[in-house]
């Protein structure tokens, strides 16, 4: 895995920094595109349901979505 990258995302009109490995950013972008959403929109949805810190919640979301895809 590559070094984590910090990026700014907007949630409810407020910018916040999120640090993820490039592989997670790439998956998140692809998933958002498949849903016709921006990364900001998808992160905002994840933020509404999270119980952990945002970076962890995004990683868990990505892994769960990949597991759903693999299961068919």
Protein backbone atom coordinates (compact mmCIF):
# COMPACT_ATOMS: atom_id res chain seq x y z
CA UNK A 1 0.00 0.00 0.00
CA UNK A 2 1.01 3.56 -0.60
CA UNK A 3 1.36 6.37 1.89
CA UNK A 4 -1.94 7.88 3.08
CA UNK A 5 -3.03 11.08 1.36
CA UNK A 6 -4.86 13.92 3.07
CA UNK A 7 -7.64 15.51 1.05
CA UNK A 8 -10.29 18.08 1.77
CA UNK A 9 -13.94 17.11 1.42
CA UNK A 10 -17.07 19.16 2.02
CA UNK A 11 -19.74 17.88 4.35
CA UNK A 12 -22.83 20.05 4.82
CA UNK A 13 -20.94 22.97 3.32
CA UNK A 14 -17.97 22.65 5.67
CA UNK A 15 -14.51 21.53 4.57
CA UNK A 16 -12.85 18.77 6.55
CA UNK A 17 -9.65 16.82 6.01
CA UNK A 18 -9.71 13.08 5.45
CA UNK A 19 -6.63 10.89 5.30
CA UNK A 20 -6.84 7.67 3.29
CA UNK A 21 -4.52 5.46 1.31
CA UNK A 22 -4.66 6.12 -2.46
CA UNK A 23 -6.30 2.74 -3.02
CA UNK A 24 -9.26 3.76 -0.86
CA UNK A 25 -9.55 7.15 -2.59
CA UNK A 26 -9.63 5.36 -5.95
CA UNK A 27 -12.33 2.90 -4.84
CA UNK A 28 -14.36 5.70 -3.32
CA UNK A 29 -14.20 7.72 -6.58
CA UNK A 30 -15.25 4.66 -8.62
CA UNK A 31 -18.14 3.85 -6.27
CA UNK A 32 -19.35 7.43 -6.31
CA UNK A 33 -19.22 7.53 -10.11
CA UNK A 34 -21.18 4.26 -10.35
CA UNK A 35 -23.91 5.87 -8.22
CA UNK A 36 -23.86 9.14 -10.11
CA UNK A 37 -22.58 10.97 -7.03
CA UNK A 38 -19.59 13.09 -6.21
CA UNK A 39 -17.08 11.90 -3.65
CA UNK A 40 -18.29 14.70 -1.37
CA UNK A 41 -21.88 13.42 -1.58
CA UNK A 42 -20.83 9.87 -0.79
CA UNK A 43 -18.63 10.97 2.12
CA UNK A 44 -21.53 13.03 3.49
CA UNK A 45 -23.74 9.92 3.44
CA UNK A 46 -21.06 7.89 5.21
CA UNK A 47 -20.63 10.70 7.75
CA UNK A 48 -24.34 10.56 8.66
CA UNK A 49 -24.14 6.90 9.67
CA UNK A 50 -20.67 6.61 11.15
CA UNK A 51 -19.81 5.53 14.67
CA UNK A 52 -16.02 5.78 14.31
CA UNK A 53 -13.77 8.51 12.96
CA UNK A 54 -14.51 9.49 9.38
CA UNK A 55 -11.43 7.92 7.77
CA UNK A 56 -12.17 4.59 9.46
CA UNK A 57 -15.84 4.78 8.52
CA UNK A 58 -14.91 5.36 4.86
CA UNK A 59 -12.54 2.38 4.86
CA UNK A 60 -15.21 0.13 6.39
CA UNK A 61 -17.77 1.39 3.87
CA UNK A 62 -15.44 0.66 0.93
CA UNK A 63 -14.61 -2.83 2.19
CA UNK A 64 -18.28 -3.67 2.80
CA UNK A 65 -19.26 -2.43 -0.68
CA UNK A 66 -16.49 -4.52 -2.27
CA UNK A 67 -17.67 -7.57 -0.31
CA UNK A 68 -21.23 -7.02 -1.56
CA UNK A 69 -19.97 -6.80 -5.14
CA UNK A 70 -17.90 -9.97 -4.76
CA UNK A 71 -20.91 -11.85 -3.38
CA UNK A 72 -22.86 -10.90 -6.49
